[in-house]
Amino acid sequence: MIVLDTHVWIWWVTGNDRLTESQKEALREGEQDGIGVSVISCWEVAKLVEIRRLDLDRPIAEWLRLALSLSGVRLLDLTPEIAVASTTLPGDFHRDPADQIIVATARSAGCPLVTSDRQIIAYEHVETIA
């Protein structure tokens, strides 16, 4: 299984050409092995729509239903363990709470995180596919 950062999830669902070849390959494999999406990513997408930083082709609730029904996608809950882990990440990690939760989710699942976020890629305590 892989875990998707929010922007990668959006790019994949919308067919954005920003995905790298390694990310596309991970997604193809993930359709068989599992593609994890943190529940916090649903909130992030909804917030981006609310503040008009993201324009979708359908209402947000419908978009989320569709995006979560794609082949291999599993919604990953925010458990108490992940909530605590997000506040105690080893080393130096930036202060974005959504990123902290997504990184903690990937670490908890023991899965690589598919991301283009340079700060996350530079973070040595989570495996990434960039």
N, C-alpha and C. Protein backbone atom coordinates (compact mmCIF):
# COMPACT_ATOMS: atom_id res chain seq x y z
N MET A 1 0.84 -1.19 0.00
CA MET A 1 0.00 0.00 0.00
C MET A 1 0.88 1.24 0.00
N ILE A 2 0.34 2.29 -0.59
CA ILE A 2 0.96 3.61 -0.54
C ILE A 2 -0.04 4.56 0.12
N VAL A 3 0.48 5.68 0.61
CA VAL A 3 -0.37 6.75 1.15
C VAL A 3 -0.14 7.98 0.28
N LEU A 4 -1.22 8.66 -0.07
CA LEU A 4 -1.12 9.85 -0.93
C LEU A 4 -1.16 11.12 -0.11
N ASP A 5 -0.27 12.05 -0.44
CA ASP A 5 -0.38 13.40 0.06
C ASP A 5 -1.58 14.04 -0.65
N THR A 6 -2.19 15.02 -0.03
CA THR A 6 -3.42 15.59 -0.56
C THR A 6 -3.27 16.08 -1.99
N HIS A 7 -2.20 16.80 -2.29
CA HIS A 7 -2.05 17.35 -3.64
C HIS A 7 -1.90 16.24 -4.67
N VAL A 8 -1.22 15.15 -4.33
CA VAL A 8 -1.06 14.03 -5.26
C VAL A 8 -2.42 13.39 -5.52
N TRP A 9 -3.22 13.26 -4.47
CA TRP A 9 -4.57 12.70 -4.62
C TRP A 9 -5.39 13.55 -5.59
N ILE A 10 -5.36 14.87 -5.39
CA ILE A 10 -6.09 15.78 -6.27
C ILE A 10 -5.58 15.65 -7.71
N TRP A 11 -4.27 15.67 -7.88
CA TRP A 11 -3.68 15.58 -9.22
C TRP A 11 -4.10 14.29 -9.91
N TRP A 12 -4.06 13.18 -9.17
CA TRP A 12 -4.41 11.88 -9.73
C TRP A 12 -5.88 11.86 -10.17
N VAL A 13 -6.76 12.31 -9.28
CA VAL A 13 -8.19 12.27 -9.58
C VAL A 13 -8.54 13.20 -10.74
N THR A 14 -7.89 14.35 -10.82
CA THR A 14 -8.22 15.32 -11.86
C THR A 14 -7.41 15.14 -13.14
N GLY A 15 -6.48 14.17 -13.15
CA GLY A 15 -5.68 13.92 -14.35
C GLY A 15 -4.64 15.00 -14.62
N ASN A 16 -4.17 15.64 -13.56
CA ASN A 16 -3.17 16.69 -13.68
C ASN A 16 -1.84 16.11 -14.15
N ASP A 17 -1.16 16.82 -15.04
CA ASP A 17 0.10 16.32 -15.58
C ASP A 17 1.31 16.61 -14.69
N ARG A 18 1.10 17.09 -13.48
CA ARG A 18 2.21 17.34 -12.56
C ARG A 18 2.78 16.06 -11.94
N LEU A 19 2.04 14.97 -12.02
CA LEU A 19 2.53 13.71 -11.44
C LEU A 19 3.80 13.28 -12.15
N THR A 20 4.77 12.84 -11.37
CA THR A 20 6.02 12.34 -11.95
C THR A 20 5.81 10.90 -12.42
N GLU A 21 6.75 10.40 -13.19
CA GLU A 21 6.66 9.02 -13.66
C GLU A 21 6.68 8.04 -12.48
N SER A 22 7.51 8.30 -11.47
CA SER A 22 7.56 7.40 -10.32
C SER A 22 6.25 7.44 -9.53
N GLN A 23 5.61 8.59 -9.46
CA GLN A 23 4.31 8.69 -8.79
C GLN A 23 3.24 7.94 -9.59
N LYS A 24 3.26 8.09 -10.92
CA LYS A 24 2.29 7.37 -11.76
C LYS A 24 2.46 5.87 -11.61
N GLU A 25 3.70 5.41 -11.57
CA GLU A 25 3.96 3.98 -11.40
C GLU A 25 3.46 3.50 -10.04
N ALA A 26 3.74 4.27 -9.00
CA ALA A 26 3.27 3.91 -7.65
C ALA A 26 1.74 3.83 -7.63
N LEU A 27 1.07 4.74 -8.31
CA LEU A 27 -0.40 4.72 -8.36
C LEU A 27 -0.91 3.51 -9.13
N ARG A 28 -0.25 3.17 -10.23
CA ARG A 28 -0.66 1.97 -10.98
C ARG A 28 -0.54 0.73 -10.10
N GLU A 29 0.58 0.61 -9.40
CA GLU A 29 0.78 -0.53 -8.49
C GLU A 29 -0.20 -0.45 -7.32
N GLY A 30 -0.47 0.76 -6.85
CA GLY A 30 -1.38 0.96 -5.73
C GLY A 30 -2.80 0.52 -6.02
N GLU A 31 -3.19 0.59 -7.29
CA GLU A 31 -4.54 0.13 -7.63
C GLU A 31 -4.71 -1.35 -7.31
N GLN A 32 -3.60 -2.09 -7.28
CA GLN A 32 -3.63 -3.50 -6.91
C GLN A 32 -3.35 -3.70 -5.42
N ASP A 33 -2.36 -2.94 -4.90
CA ASP A 33 -1.88 -3.15 -3.53
C ASP A 33 -2.55 -2.26 -2.49
N GLY A 34 -3.23 -1.22 -2.92
CA GLY A 34 -3.91 -0.31 -2.00
C GLY A 34 -3.36 1.10 -2.06
N ILE A 35 -4.27 2.06 -2.09
CA ILE A 35 -3.94 3.48 -2.11
C ILE A 35 -4.63 4.11 -0.91
N GLY A 36 -3.85 4.47 0.08
CA GLY A 36 -4.40 5.06 1.29
C GLY A 36 -4.55 6.57 1.17
N VAL A 37 -5.71 7.05 1.59
CA VAL A 37 -5.98 8.49 1.64
C VAL A 37 -6.42 8.80 3.06
N SER A 38 -5.67 9.69 3.72
CA SER A 38 -6.02 10.09 5.08
C SER A 38 -7.31 10.90 5.08
N VAL A 39 -8.12 10.68 6.09
CA VAL A 39 -9.35 11.45 6.23
C VAL A 39 -9.05 12.96 6.27
N ILE A 40 -7.88 13.34 6.76
CA ILE A 40 -7.53 14.77 6.80
C ILE A 40 -7.42 15.35 5.40
N SER A 41 -7.11 14.50 4.40
CA SER A 41 -7.06 14.98 3.02
C SER A 41 -8.44 15.38 2.52
N CYS A 42 -9.47 14.69 2.97
CA CYS A 42 -10.85 15.09 2.62
C CYS A 42 -11.13 16.49 3.14
N TRP A 43 -10.73 16.74 4.37
CA TRP A 43 -10.91 18.06 4.97
C TRP A 43 -10.10 19.10 4.20
N GLU A 44 -8.85 18.76 3.86
CA GLU A 44 -8.01 19.72 3.13
C GLU A 44 -8.62 20.09 1.78
N VAL A 45 -9.12 19.11 1.05
CA VAL A 45 -9.74 19.38 -0.25
C VAL A 45 -10.96 20.29 -0.04
N ALA A 46 -11.79 19.98 0.93
CA ALA A 46 -12.97 20.80 1.20
C ALA A 46 -12.57 22.23 1.57
N LYS A 47 -11.52 22.39 2.37
CA LYS A 47 -11.05 23.74 2.75
C LYS A 47 -10.53 24.50 1.54
N LEU A 48 -9.79 23.80 0.66
CA LEU A 48 -9.27 24.46 -0.54
C LEU A 48 -10.41 24.96 -1.43
N VAL A 49 -11.47 24.19 -1.52
CA VAL A 49 -12.65 24.62 -2.28
C VAL A 49 -13.30 25.81 -1.58
N GLU A 50 -13.45 25.70 -0.26
CA GLU A 50 -14.09 26.79 0.50
C GLU A 50 -13.37 28.12 0.32
N ILE A 51 -12.05 28.10 0.36
CA ILE A 51 -11.29 29.36 0.26
C ILE A 51 -10.94 29.71 -1.19
N ARG A 52 -11.52 28.96 -2.11
CA ARG A 52 -11.40 29.21 -3.55
C ARG A 52 -9.97 29.07 -4.08
N ARG A 53 -9.20 28.17 -3.48
CA ARG A 53 -7.88 27.85 -4.02
C ARG A 53 -7.94 26.61 -4.90
N LEU A 54 -9.10 25.97 -4.95
CA LEU A 54 -9.30 24.78 -5.78
C LEU A 54 -10.70 24.84 -6.37
N ASP A 55 -10.77 24.66 -7.68
CA ASP A 55 -12.05 24.65 -8.38
C ASP A 55 -12.24 23.25 -8.95
N LEU A 56 -13.29 22.58 -8.54
CA LEU A 56 -13.57 21.21 -8.99
C LEU A 56 -14.68 21.21 -10.02
N ASP A 57 -14.80 20.10 -10.74
CA ASP A 57 -15.80 20.00 -11.80
C ASP A 57 -17.17 19.57 -11.29
N ARG A 58 -17.30 19.40 -9.97
CA ARG A 58 -18.58 18.98 -9.37
C ARG A 58 -18.59 19.42 -7.91
N PRO A 59 -19.73 19.38 -7.23
CA PRO A 59 -19.78 19.76 -5.81
C PRO A 59 -18.82 18.89 -4.98
N ILE A 60 -18.30 19.46 -3.93
CA ILE A 60 -17.26 18.80 -3.13
C ILE A 60 -17.70 17.44 -2.60
N ALA A 61 -18.91 17.32 -2.10
CA ALA A 61 -19.35 16.03 -1.56
C ALA A 61 -19.36 14.96 -2.65
N GLU A 62 -19.80 15.33 -3.83
CA GLU A 62 -19.82 14.39 -4.96
C GLU A 62 -18.39 14.04 -5.39
N TRP A 63 -17.52 15.05 -5.43
CA TRP A 63 -16.12 14.82 -5.81
C TRP A 63 -15.46 13.85 -4.84
N LEU A 64 -15.67 14.06 -3.54
CA LEU A 64 -15.08 13.18 -2.54
C LEU A 64 -15.59 11.75 -2.69
N ARG A 65 -16.90 11.59 -2.90
CA ARG A 65 -17.45 10.24 -3.12
C ARG A 65 -16.78 9.56 -4.30
N LEU A 66 -16.66 10.28 -5.40
CA LEU A 66 -16.02 9.72 -6.60
C LEU A 66 -14.55 9.40 -6.33
N ALA A 67 -13.82 10.33 -5.73
CA ALA A 67 -12.38 10.17 -5.50
C ALA A 67 -12.08 9.02 -4.54
N LEU A 68 -13.00 8.77 -3.62
CA LEU A 68 -12.81 7.68 -2.66
C LEU A 68 -13.28 6.34 -3.21
N SER A 69 -13.95 6.36 -4.35
CA SER A 69 -14.44 5.11 -4.93
C SER A 69 -13.53 4.57 -6.03
N LEU A 70 -12.45 5.28 -6.31
CA LEU A 70 -11.53 4.83 -7.36
C LEU A 70 -10.85 3.53 -6.96
N SER A 71 -10.42 2.80 -7.95
CA SER A 71 -9.82 1.48 -7.75
C SER A 71 -8.66 1.52 -6.76
N GLY A 72 -8.76 0.70 -5.73
CA GLY A 72 -7.69 0.55 -4.76
C GLY A 72 -7.70 1.53 -3.61
N VAL A 73 -8.54 2.56 -3.66
CA VAL A 73 -8.51 3.62 -2.64
C VAL A 73 -9.14 3.13 -1.34
N ARG A 74 -8.43 3.41 -0.25
CA ARG A 74 -8.92 3.12 1.11
C ARG A 74 -8.83 4.40 1.93
N LEU A 75 -9.92 4.77 2.57
CA LEU A 75 -9.92 5.92 3.46
C LEU A 75 -9.28 5.51 4.77
N LEU A 76 -8.25 6.24 5.18
CA LEU A 76 -7.52 5.93 6.41
C LEU A 76 -7.97 6.87 7.52
N ASP A 77 -8.46 6.28 8.59
CA ASP A 77 -8.98 7.05 9.71
C ASP A 77 -7.88 7.79 10.47
N LEU A 78 -8.29 8.84 11.16
CA LEU A 78 -7.42 9.51 12.11
C LEU A 78 -7.69 8.86 13.46
N THR A 79 -6.80 7.98 13.85
CA THR A 79 -6.94 7.28 15.12
C THR A 79 -6.30 8.09 16.24
N PRO A 80 -6.61 7.78 17.48
CA PRO A 80 -5.92 8.46 18.59
C PRO A 80 -4.40 8.26 18.51
N GLU A 81 -3.97 7.08 18.08
CA GLU A 81 -2.52 6.81 17.98
C GLU A 81 -1.87 7.71 16.93
N ILE A 82 -2.54 7.87 15.79
CA ILE A 82 -1.99 8.74 14.75
C ILE A 82 -2.02 10.19 15.20
N ALA A 83 -3.08 10.60 15.90
CA ALA A 83 -3.15 11.97 16.41
C ALA A 83 -1.97 12.27 17.32
N VAL A 84 -1.67 11.33 18.23
CA VAL A 84 -0.54 11.53 19.14
C VAL A 84 0.78 11.49 18.36
N ALA A 85 0.92 10.52 17.46
CA ALA A 85 2.16 10.39 16.69
C ALA A 85 2.43 11.65 15.87
N SER A 86 1.38 12.31 15.39
CA SER A 86 1.57 13.52 14.58
C SER A 86 2.18 14.66 15.40
N THR A 87 2.04 14.59 16.71
CA THR A 87 2.59 15.64 17.57
C THR A 87 3.96 15.29 18.14
N THR A 88 4.40 14.07 17.86
CA THR A 88 5.68 13.61 18.40
C THR A 88 6.57 13.02 17.31
N LEU A 89 6.46 13.55 16.10
CA LEU A 89 7.30 13.06 15.01
C LEU A 89 8.78 13.25 15.36
N PRO A 90 9.61 12.26 15.07
CA PRO A 90 11.03 12.41 15.39
C PRO A 90 11.70 13.46 14.50
N GLY A 91 12.79 14.00 15.00
CA GLY A 91 13.54 14.98 14.21
C GLY A 91 12.81 16.29 14.10
N ASP A 92 13.16 17.03 13.06
CA ASP A 92 12.62 18.37 12.84
C ASP A 92 11.63 18.33 11.69
N PHE A 93 10.36 18.55 11.99
CA PHE A 93 9.32 18.56 10.96
C PHE A 93 8.54 19.86 11.07
N HIS A 94 8.08 20.37 9.94
CA HIS A 94 7.39 21.67 9.95
C HIS A 94 6.04 21.60 10.67
N ARG A 95 5.44 22.73 10.87
CA ARG A 95 4.30 22.87 11.79
C ARG A 95 2.93 22.68 11.15
N ASP A 96 2.84 22.34 9.88
CA ASP A 96 1.54 22.17 9.24
C ASP A 96 0.84 20.95 9.82
N PRO A 97 -0.28 21.12 10.53
CA PRO A 97 -0.93 19.98 11.19
C PRO A 97 -1.42 18.91 10.22
N ALA A 98 -1.92 19.31 9.05
CA ALA A 98 -2.38 18.30 8.08
C ALA A 98 -1.21 17.46 7.59
N ASP A 99 -0.09 18.10 7.28
CA ASP A 99 1.10 17.35 6.86
C ASP A 99 1.58 16.44 7.98
N GLN A 100 1.54 16.92 9.20
CA GLN A 100 1.96 16.09 10.34
C GLN A 100 1.08 14.84 10.43
N ILE A 101 -0.22 15.00 10.25
CA ILE A 101 -1.13 13.86 10.32
C ILE A 101 -0.90 12.89 9.16
N ILE A 102 -0.70 13.42 7.96
CA ILE A 102 -0.46 12.56 6.80
C ILE A 102 0.84 11.79 6.96
N VAL A 103 1.89 12.44 7.41
CA VAL A 103 3.18 11.76 7.64
C VAL A 103 3.02 10.70 8.73
N ALA A 104 2.35 11.05 9.82
CA ALA A 104 2.13 10.08 10.90
C ALA A 104 1.30 8.90 10.41
N THR A 105 0.35 9.14 9.52
CA THR A 105 -0.48 8.07 8.97
C THR A 105 0.38 7.12 8.15
N ALA A 106 1.24 7.66 7.29
CA ALA A 106 2.12 6.81 6.47
C ALA A 106 3.07 6.02 7.36
N ARG A 107 3.63 6.67 8.36
CA ARG A 107 4.55 5.98 9.27
C ARG A 107 3.83 4.88 10.03
N SER A 108 2.62 5.17 10.50
CA SER A 108 1.84 4.19 11.25
C SER A 108 1.49 2.98 10.39
N ALA A 109 1.19 3.22 9.11
CA ALA A 109 0.85 2.13 8.19
C ALA A 109 2.08 1.41 7.66
N GLY A 110 3.27 2.00 7.89
CA GLY A 110 4.50 1.41 7.36
C GLY A 110 4.55 1.46 5.85
N CYS A 111 4.01 2.53 5.27
CA CYS A 111 3.89 2.65 3.82
C CYS A 111 4.60 3.92 3.33
N PRO A 112 5.07 3.88 2.07
CA PRO A 112 5.63 5.10 1.51
C PRO A 112 4.55 6.15 1.26
N LEU A 113 4.95 7.39 1.36
CA LEU A 113 4.07 8.53 1.13
C LEU A 113 4.40 9.11 -0.25
N VAL A 114 3.40 9.20 -1.11
CA VAL A 114 3.58 9.76 -2.44
C VAL A 114 3.33 11.26 -2.34
N THR A 115 4.37 12.05 -2.62
CA THR A 115 4.28 13.50 -2.42
C THR A 115 5.25 14.23 -3.34
N SER A 116 4.95 15.50 -3.56
CA SER A 116 5.89 16.39 -4.24
C SER A 116 6.32 17.52 -3.31
N ASP A 117 5.89 17.44 -2.06
CA ASP A 117 6.21 18.46 -1.06
C ASP A 117 7.68 18.33 -0.66
N ARG A 118 8.46 19.34 -0.98
CA ARG A 118 9.92 19.29 -0.73
C ARG A 118 10.26 19.13 0.75
N GLN A 119 9.45 19.74 1.62
CA GLN A 119 9.72 19.62 3.05
C GLN A 119 9.51 18.18 3.52
N ILE A 120 8.49 17.53 3.00
CA ILE A 120 8.25 16.14 3.38
C ILE A 120 9.30 15.23 2.77
N ILE A 121 9.66 15.47 1.52
CA ILE A 121 10.69 14.67 0.86
C ILE A 121 12.01 14.76 1.63
N ALA A 122 12.32 15.94 2.15
CA ALA A 122 13.57 16.14 2.89
C ALA A 122 13.53 15.52 4.29
N TYR A 123 12.35 15.18 4.77
CA TYR A 123 12.20 14.62 6.11
C TYR A 123 12.63 13.16 6.10
N GLU A 124 13.67 12.85 6.83
CA GLU A 124 14.30 11.52 6.75
C GLU A 124 13.53 10.42 7.48
N HIS A 125 12.48 10.76 8.19
CA HIS A 125 11.78 9.76 9.00
C HIS A 125 10.51 9.20 8.36
N VAL A 126 10.35 9.45 7.06
CA VAL A 126 9.25 8.84 6.32
C VAL A 126 9.74 8.52 4.91
N GLU A 127 9.39 7.34 4.42
CA GLU A 127 9.75 6.95 3.06
C GLU A 127 8.82 7.68 2.09
N THR A 128 9.39 8.27 1.05
CA THR A 128 8.58 9.00 0.10
C THR A 128 8.82 8.50 -1.33
N ILE A 129 7.83 8.72 -2.16
CA ILE A 129 7.93 8.52 -3.59
C ILE A 129 7.62 9.88 -4.20
N ALA A 130 8.64 10.45 -4.83
CA ALA A 130 8.50 11.83 -5.34
C ALA A 130 8.35 11.87 -6.84
